[in-house]
């Protein structure tokens, strides 16, 4: 959940993001090579299980829905 949220902006539910965990492990074990491309489908929204999402990812960063506010926060480069 944390990896997809931070790197892709996807808020997936625990069961829905297990495929990503599997790909991560497959790369680590050499099953998937670093030069290969794969597609992972997340099947559920993290809004189904907000309590576990907060445990996994921590408190959300609150920001006004404005690009200038996000840039001013220093959270994006």
PDB file of N, CA and C in Angstrom:
ATOM      1  N   UNK A   1       0.823  -1.193   0.000  1.00  0.00           N
ATOM      2  CA  UNK A   1       0.000   0.000   0.000  1.00  0.00           C
ATOM      3  C   UNK A   1       0.863   1.250   0.000  1.00  0.00           C
ATOM      4  N   UNK A   2       1.893   1.227   0.842  1.00  0.00           N
ATOM      5  CA  UNK A   2       2.765   2.392   0.954  1.00  0.00           C
ATOM      6  C   UNK A   2       3.500   2.645  -0.362  1.00  0.00           C
ATOM      7  N   UNK A   3       4.051   1.597  -0.959  1.00  0.00           N
ATOM      8  CA  UNK A   3       4.808   1.748  -2.209  1.00  0.00           C
ATOM      9  C   UNK A   3       3.938   2.347  -3.307  1.00  0.00           C
ATOM     10  N   UNK A   4       2.760   1.802  -3.510  1.00  0.00           N
ATOM     11  CA  UNK A   4       1.891   2.330  -4.561  1.00  0.00           C
ATOM     12  C   UNK A   4       1.414   3.742  -4.249  1.00  0.00           C
ATOM     13  N   UNK A   5       1.117   4.005  -3.005  1.00  0.00           N
ATOM     14  CA  UNK A   5       0.673   5.346  -2.643  1.00  0.00           C
ATOM     15  C   UNK A   5       1.741   6.396  -2.868  1.00  0.00           C
ATOM     16  N   UNK A   6       2.955   6.071  -2.471  1.00  0.00           N
ATOM     17  CA  UNK A   6       4.038   7.054  -2.582  1.00  0.00           C
ATOM     18  C   UNK A   6       4.610   7.174  -3.985  1.00  0.00           C
ATOM     19  N   UNK A   7       4.646   6.074  -4.728  1.00  0.00           N
ATOM     20  CA  UNK A   7       5.281   6.124  -6.048  1.00  0.00           C
ATOM     21  C   UNK A   7       4.295   6.344  -7.190  1.00  0.00           C
ATOM     22  N   UNK A   8       3.043   5.935  -7.014  1.00  0.00           N
ATOM     23  CA  UNK A   8       2.080   6.011  -8.104  1.00  0.00           C
ATOM     24  C   UNK A   8       0.820   6.798  -7.772  1.00  0.00           C
ATOM     25  N   UNK A   9       0.646   7.152  -6.497  1.00  0.00           N
ATOM     26  CA  UNK A   9      -0.559   7.872  -6.110  1.00  0.00           C
ATOM     27  C   UNK A   9      -1.795   6.993  -6.105  1.00  0.00           C
ATOM     28  N   UNK A  10      -1.596   5.677  -5.963  1.00  0.00           N
ATOM     29  CA  UNK A  10      -2.708   4.729  -5.947  1.00  0.00           C
ATOM     30  C   UNK A  10      -2.995   4.328  -4.507  1.00  0.00           C
ATOM     31  N   UNK A  11      -4.235   4.491  -4.095  1.00  0.00           N
ATOM     32  CA  UNK A  11      -4.650   4.123  -2.744  1.00  0.00           C
ATOM     33  C   UNK A  11      -5.407   2.807  -2.837  1.00  0.00           C
ATOM     34  N   UNK A  12      -4.666   1.707  -2.813  1.00  0.00           N
ATOM     35  CA  UNK A  12      -5.270   0.395  -2.969  1.00  0.00           C
ATOM     36  C   UNK A  12      -5.544  -0.267  -1.638  1.00  0.00           C
ATOM     37  N   UNK A  13      -6.539  -1.140  -1.615  1.00  0.00           N
ATOM     38  CA  UNK A  13      -6.833  -1.894  -0.397  1.00  0.00           C
ATOM     39  C   UNK A  13      -5.809  -3.020  -0.252  1.00  0.00           C
ATOM     40  N   UNK A  14      -5.636  -3.567   0.959  1.00  0.00           N
ATOM     41  CA  UNK A  14      -4.616  -4.599   1.178  1.00  0.00           C
ATOM     42  C   UNK A  14      -4.704  -5.781   0.207  1.00  0.00           C
ATOM     43  N   UNK A  15      -5.890  -6.329   0.008  1.00  0.00           N
ATOM     44  CA  UNK A  15      -6.012  -7.477  -0.904  1.00  0.00           C
ATOM     45  C   UNK A  15      -5.724  -7.080  -2.341  1.00  0.00           C
ATOM     46  N   UNK A  16      -6.058  -5.857  -2.695  1.00  0.00           N
ATOM     47  CA  UNK A  16      -5.871  -5.402  -4.065  1.00  0.00           C
ATOM     48  C   UNK A  16      -4.430  -5.105  -4.434  1.00  0.00           C
ATOM     49  N   UNK A  17      -3.601  -4.863  -3.449  1.00  0.00           N
ATOM     50  CA  UNK A  17      -2.203  -4.527  -3.744  1.00  0.00           C
ATOM     51  C   UNK A  17      -1.252  -5.715  -3.569  1.00  0.00           C
ATOM     52  N   UNK A  18      -1.785  -6.886  -3.281  1.00  0.00           N
ATOM     53  CA  UNK A  18      -0.906  -8.047  -3.104  1.00  0.00           C
ATOM     54  C   UNK A  18      -0.174  -8.412  -4.382  1.00  0.00           C
ATOM     55  N   UNK A  19      -0.761  -8.138  -5.533  1.00  0.00           N
ATOM     56  CA  UNK A  19      -0.070  -8.413  -6.794  1.00  0.00           C
ATOM     57  C   UNK A  19       1.206  -7.581  -6.906  1.00  0.00           C
ATOM     58  N   UNK A  20       1.169  -6.356  -6.425  1.00  0.00           N
ATOM     59  CA  UNK A  20       2.357  -5.516  -6.437  1.00  0.00           C
ATOM     60  C   UNK A  20       3.438  -6.104  -5.535  1.00  0.00           C
ATOM     61  N   UNK A  21       3.033  -6.584  -4.378  1.00  0.00           N
ATOM     62  CA  UNK A  21       3.989  -7.229  -3.478  1.00  0.00           C
ATOM     63  C   UNK A  21       4.602  -8.460  -4.152  1.00  0.00           C
ATOM     64  N   UNK A  22       3.792  -9.198  -4.884  1.00  0.00           N
ATOM     65  CA  UNK A  22       4.291 -10.375  -5.599  1.00  0.00           C
ATOM     66  C   UNK A  22       5.290 -10.013  -6.670  1.00  0.00           C
ATOM     67  N   UNK A  23       5.035  -8.946  -7.399  1.00  0.00           N
ATOM     68  CA  UNK A  23       5.974  -8.500  -8.425  1.00  0.00           C
ATOM     69  C   UNK A  23       7.278  -8.035  -7.789  1.00  0.00           C
ATOM     70  N   UNK A  24       7.165  -7.304  -6.702  1.00  0.00           N
ATOM     71  CA  UNK A  24       8.358  -6.833  -5.997  1.00  0.00           C
ATOM     72  C   UNK A  24       9.226  -8.025  -5.571  1.00  0.00           C
ATOM     73  N   UNK A  25       8.590  -9.042  -5.037  1.00  0.00           N
ATOM     74  CA  UNK A  25       9.326 -10.242  -4.610  1.00  0.00           C
ATOM     75  C   UNK A  25       9.911 -10.989  -5.811  1.00  0.00           C
ATOM     76  N   UNK A  26       9.142 -11.087  -6.889  1.00  0.00           N
ATOM     77  CA  UNK A  26       9.623 -11.777  -8.090  1.00  0.00           C
ATOM     78  C   UNK A  26      10.851 -11.080  -8.685  1.00  0.00           C
ATOM     79  N   UNK A  27      10.887  -9.768  -8.627  1.00  0.00           N
ATOM     80  CA  UNK A  27      12.064  -9.028  -9.095  1.00  0.00           C
ATOM     81  C   UNK A  27      13.245  -9.325  -8.180  1.00  0.00           C
ATOM     82  N   UNK A  28      13.005  -9.292  -6.884  1.00  0.00           N
ATOM     83  CA  UNK A  28      14.067  -9.565  -5.911  1.00  0.00           C
ATOM     84  C   UNK A  28      14.658 -10.966  -6.106  1.00  0.00           C
ATOM     85  N   UNK A  29      13.803 -11.931  -6.422  1.00  0.00           N
ATOM     86  CA  UNK A  29      14.247 -13.315  -6.589  1.00  0.00           C
ATOM     87  C   UNK A  29      14.726 -13.629  -8.007  1.00  0.00           C
ATOM     88  N   UNK A  30      14.667 -12.644  -8.903  1.00  0.00           N
ATOM     89  CA  UNK A  30      15.159 -12.849 -10.261  1.00  0.00           C
ATOM     90  C   UNK A  30      14.180 -13.514 -11.204  1.00  0.00           C
ATOM     91  N   UNK A  31      12.958 -13.719 -10.765  1.00  0.00           N
ATOM     92  CA  UNK A  31      11.937 -14.307 -11.633  1.00  0.00           C
ATOM     93  C   UNK A  31      11.569 -13.322 -12.738  1.00  0.00           C
ATOM     94  N   UNK A  32      11.483 -12.051 -12.369  1.00  0.00           N
ATOM     95  CA  UNK A  32      11.262 -10.966 -13.326  1.00  0.00           C
ATOM     96  C   UNK A  32      12.567 -10.179 -13.413  1.00  0.00           C
ATOM     97  N   UNK A  33      13.072 -10.022 -14.627  1.00  0.00           N
ATOM     98  CA  UNK A  33      14.315  -9.268 -14.819  1.00  0.00           C
ATOM     99  C   UNK A  33      14.055  -7.767 -14.776  1.00  0.00           C
ATOM    100  N   UNK A  34      15.075  -7.016 -14.445  1.00  0.00           N
ATOM    101  CA  UNK A  34      14.916  -5.560 -14.324  1.00  0.00           C
ATOM    102  C   UNK A  34      14.617  -4.893 -15.662  1.00  0.00           C
ATOM    103  N   UNK A  35      14.919  -5.567 -16.785  1.00  0.00           N
ATOM    104  CA  UNK A  35      14.640  -4.972 -18.094  1.00  0.00           C
ATOM    105  C   UNK A  35      13.278  -5.383 -18.652  1.00  0.00           C
ATOM    106  N   UNK A  36      12.521  -6.155 -17.880  1.00  0.00           N
ATOM    107  CA  UNK A  36      11.195  -6.578 -18.314  1.00  0.00           C
ATOM    108  C   UNK A  36      10.135  -5.589 -17.855  1.00  0.00           C
ATOM    109  N   UNK A  37       9.035  -5.562 -18.577  1.00  0.00           N
ATOM    110  CA  UNK A  37       7.895  -4.723 -18.234  1.00  0.00           C
ATOM    111  C   UNK A  37       6.733  -5.615 -17.817  1.00  0.00           C
ATOM    112  N   UNK A  38       6.105  -5.277 -16.713  1.00  0.00           N
ATOM    113  CA  UNK A  38       4.931  -6.014 -16.248  1.00  0.00           C
ATOM    114  C   UNK A  38       3.819  -5.027 -15.928  1.00  0.00           C
ATOM    115  N   UNK A  39       2.617  -5.527 -15.915  1.00  0.00           N
ATOM    116  CA  UNK A  39       1.452  -4.722 -15.535  1.00  0.00           C
ATOM    117  C   UNK A  39       0.826  -5.351 -14.303  1.00  0.00           C
ATOM    118  N   UNK A  40       0.512  -4.515 -13.334  1.00  0.00           N
ATOM    119  CA  UNK A  40      -0.133  -4.977 -12.109  1.00  0.00           C
ATOM    120  C   UNK A  40      -1.472  -4.263 -11.996  1.00  0.00           C
ATOM    121  N   UNK A  41      -2.496  -5.019 -11.684  1.00  0.00           N
ATOM    122  CA  UNK A  41      -3.832  -4.448 -11.542  1.00  0.00           C
ATOM    123  C   UNK A  41      -4.217  -4.459 -10.072  1.00  0.00           C
ATOM    124  N   UNK A  42      -4.540  -3.287  -9.561  1.00  0.00           N
ATOM    125  CA  UNK A  42      -5.037  -3.166  -8.195  1.00  0.00           C
ATOM    126  C   UNK A  42      -6.552  -3.149  -8.270  1.00  0.00           C
ATOM    127  N   UNK A  43      -7.179  -4.072  -7.562  1.00  0.00           N
ATOM    128  CA  UNK A  43      -8.608  -4.292  -7.767  1.00  0.00           C
ATOM    129  C   UNK A  43      -9.539  -3.610  -6.769  1.00  0.00           C
ATOM    130  N   UNK A  44      -8.996  -2.907  -5.806  1.00  0.00           N
ATOM    131  CA  UNK A  44      -9.893  -2.304  -4.828  1.00  0.00           C
ATOM    132  C   UNK A  44      -9.340  -1.028  -4.239  1.00  0.00           C
ATOM    133  N   UNK A  45     -10.217  -0.159  -3.860  1.00  0.00           N
ATOM    134  CA  UNK A  45      -9.847   1.125  -3.279  1.00  0.00           C
ATOM    135  C   UNK A  45      -9.498   0.979  -1.803  1.00  0.00           C
ATOM    136  N   UNK A  46      -8.489   1.709  -1.371  1.00  0.00           N
ATOM    137  CA  UNK A  46      -8.109   1.738   0.028  1.00  0.00           C
ATOM    138  C   UNK A  46      -9.187   2.316   0.918  1.00  0.00           C
ATOM    139  N   UNK A  47     -10.169   2.965   0.326  1.00  0.00           N
ATOM    140  CA  UNK A  47     -11.267   3.509   1.119  1.00  0.00           C
ATOM    141  C   UNK A  47     -12.109   2.408   1.741  1.00  0.00           C
ATOM    142  N   UNK A  48     -11.953   1.166   1.275  1.00  0.00           N
ATOM    143  CA  UNK A  48     -12.672   0.041   1.866  1.00  0.00           C
ATOM    144  C   UNK A  48     -12.145  -0.295   3.253  1.00  0.00           C
ATOM    145  N   UNK A  49     -10.880   0.050   3.503  1.00  0.00           N
ATOM    146  CA  UNK A  49     -10.228  -0.347   4.752  1.00  0.00           C
ATOM    147  C   UNK A  49      -9.287   0.757   5.220  1.00  0.00           C
ATOM    148  N   UNK A  50      -9.847   1.893   5.549  1.00  0.00           N
ATOM    149  CA  UNK A  50      -9.050   3.070   5.902  1.00  0.00           C
ATOM    150  C   UNK A  50      -8.200   2.837   7.149  1.00  0.00           C
ATOM    151  N   UNK A  51      -8.717   2.137   8.139  1.00  0.00           N
ATOM    152  CA  UNK A  51      -7.946   1.917   9.370  1.00  0.00           C
ATOM    153  C   UNK A  51      -6.646   1.177   9.107  1.00  0.00           C
ATOM    154  N   UNK A  52      -6.691   0.098   8.322  1.00  0.00           N
ATOM    155  CA  UNK A  52      -5.461  -0.626   8.002  1.00  0.00           C
ATOM    156  C   UNK A  52      -4.560   0.183   7.084  1.00  0.00           C
ATOM    157  N   UNK A  53      -5.134   0.989   6.221  1.00  0.00           N
ATOM    158  CA  UNK A  53      -4.331   1.838   5.357  1.00  0.00           C
ATOM    159  C   UNK A  53      -3.522   2.829   6.191  1.00  0.00           C
ATOM    160  N   UNK A  54      -4.158   3.405   7.190  1.00  0.00           N
ATOM    161  CA  UNK A  54      -3.449   4.347   8.058  1.00  0.00           C
ATOM    162  C   UNK A  54      -2.341   3.649   8.835  1.00  0.00           C
ATOM    163  N   UNK A  55      -2.584   2.401   9.257  1.00  0.00           N
ATOM    164  CA  UNK A  55      -1.535   1.643   9.946  1.00  0.00           C
ATOM    165  C   UNK A  55      -0.357   1.375   9.015  1.00  0.00           C
ATOM    166  N   UNK A  56      -0.636   1.055   7.766  1.00  0.00           N
ATOM    167  CA  UNK A  56       0.413   0.719   6.810  1.00  0.00           C
ATOM    168  C   UNK A  56       1.170   1.942   6.308  1.00  0.00           C
ATOM    169  N   UNK A  57       0.457   3.010   6.049  1.00  0.00           N
ATOM    170  CA  UNK A  57       1.070   4.161   5.388  1.00  0.00           C
ATOM    171  C   UNK A  57       1.282   5.364   6.284  1.00  0.00           C
ATOM    172  N   UNK A  58       0.659   5.391   7.445  1.00  0.00           N
ATOM    173  CA  UNK A  58       0.767   6.556   8.312  1.00  0.00           C
ATOM    174  C   UNK A  58      -0.305   7.577   7.984  1.00  0.00           C
ATOM    175  N   UNK A  59      -0.296   8.622   8.745  1.00  0.00           N
ATOM    176  CA  UNK A  59      -1.289   9.668   8.558  1.00  0.00           C
ATOM    177  C   UNK A  59      -1.135  10.322   7.185  1.00  0.00           C
ATOM    178  N   UNK A  60      -2.235  10.678   6.555  1.00  0.00           N
ATOM    179  CA  UNK A  60      -2.148  11.309   5.237  1.00  0.00           C
ATOM    180  C   UNK A  60      -1.619  12.735   5.346  1.00  0.00           C
ATOM    181  N   UNK A  61      -1.028  13.189   4.273  1.00  0.00           N
ATOM    182  CA  UNK A  61      -0.584  14.572   4.161  1.00  0.00           C
ATOM    183  C   UNK A  61      -1.769  15.386   3.664  1.00  0.00           C
ATOM    184  N   UNK A  62      -2.183  16.379   4.419  1.00  0.00           N
ATOM    185  CA  UNK A  62      -3.318  17.209   4.035  1.00  0.00           C
ATOM    186  C   UNK A  62      -2.837  18.440   3.292  1.00  0.00           C
ATOM    187  N   UNK A  63      -3.488  18.718   2.178  1.00  0.00           N
ATOM    188  CA  UNK A  63      -3.088  19.839   1.344  1.00  0.00           C
ATOM    189  C   UNK A  63      -4.322  20.355   0.606  1.00  0.00           C
ATOM    190  N   UNK A  64      -4.363  21.645   0.407  1.00  0.00           N
ATOM    191  CA  UNK A  64      -5.437  22.220  -0.393  1.00  0.00           C
ATOM    192  C   UNK A  64      -5.387  21.610  -1.796  1.00  0.00           C
ATOM    193  N   UNK A  65      -6.533  21.438  -2.441  1.00  0.00           N
ATOM    194  CA  UNK A  65      -6.560  20.842  -3.782  1.00  0.00           C
ATOM    195  C   UNK A  65      -6.103  21.836  -4.845  1.00  0.00           C
ATOM    196  N   UNK A  66      -4.835  22.168  -4.768  1.00  0.00           N
ATOM    197  CA  UNK A  66      -4.275  23.197  -5.639  1.00  0.00           C
ATOM    198  C   UNK A  66      -2.807  22.864  -5.885  1.00  0.00           C
ATOM    199  N   UNK A  67      -2.367  22.872  -7.134  1.00  0.00           N
ATOM    200  CA  UNK A  67      -0.994  22.512  -7.469  1.00  0.00           C
ATOM    201  C   UNK A  67       0.009  23.446  -6.798  1.00  0.00           C
ATOM    202  N   UNK A  68      -0.296  24.720  -6.732  1.00  0.00           N
ATOM    203  CA  UNK A  68       0.619  25.676  -6.096  1.00  0.00           C
ATOM    204  C   UNK A  68       0.801  25.332  -4.608  1.00  0.00           C
ATOM    205  N   UNK A  69      -0.286  24.943  -3.940  1.00  0.00           N
ATOM    206  CA  UNK A  69      -0.197  24.571  -2.518  1.00  0.00           C
ATOM    207  C   UNK A  69       0.640  23.309  -2.347  1.00  0.00           C
ATOM    208  N   UNK A  70       0.486  22.353  -3.247  1.00  0.00           N
ATOM    209  CA  UNK A  70       1.284  21.128  -3.184  1.00  0.00           C
ATOM    210  C   UNK A  70       2.753  21.443  -3.429  1.00  0.00           C
ATOM    211  N   UNK A  71       3.050  22.249  -4.414  1.00  0.00           N
ATOM    212  CA  UNK A  71       4.441  22.631  -4.683  1.00  0.00           C
ATOM    213  C   UNK A  71       5.043  23.380  -3.502  1.00  0.00           C
ATOM    214  N   UNK A  72       4.273  24.260  -2.877  1.00  0.00           N
ATOM    215  CA  UNK A  72       4.754  25.031  -1.729  1.00  0.00           C
ATOM    216  C   UNK A  72       5.026  24.138  -0.517  1.00  0.00           C
ATOM    217  N   UNK A  73       4.370  22.985  -0.460  1.00  0.00           N
ATOM    218  CA  UNK A  73       4.545  22.083   0.680  1.00  0.00           C
ATOM    219  C   UNK A  73       5.905  21.387   0.665  1.00  0.00           C
ATOM    220  N   UNK A  74       6.545  21.372  -0.488  1.00  0.00           N
ATOM    221  CA  UNK A  74       7.821  20.675  -0.600  1.00  0.00           C
ATOM    222  C   UNK A  74       7.680  19.181  -0.777  1.00  0.00           C
ATOM    223  N   UNK A  75       6.469  18.682  -0.950  1.00  0.00           N
ATOM    224  CA  UNK A  75       6.223  17.240  -1.095  1.00  0.00           C
ATOM    225  C   UNK A  75       6.494  16.737  -2.506  1.00  0.00           C
ATOM    226  N   UNK A  76       6.550  17.628  -3.482  1.00  0.00           N
ATOM    227  CA  UNK A  76       6.871  17.216  -4.859  1.00  0.00           C
ATOM    228  C   UNK A  76       8.069  18.014  -5.325  1.00  0.00           C
ATOM    229  N   UNK A  77       8.730  17.477  -6.305  1.00  0.00           N
ATOM    230  CA  UNK A  77       9.921  18.162  -6.844  1.00  0.00           C
ATOM    231  C   UNK A  77       9.658  18.676  -8.220  1.00  0.00           C
TER     232      UNK A  77
END
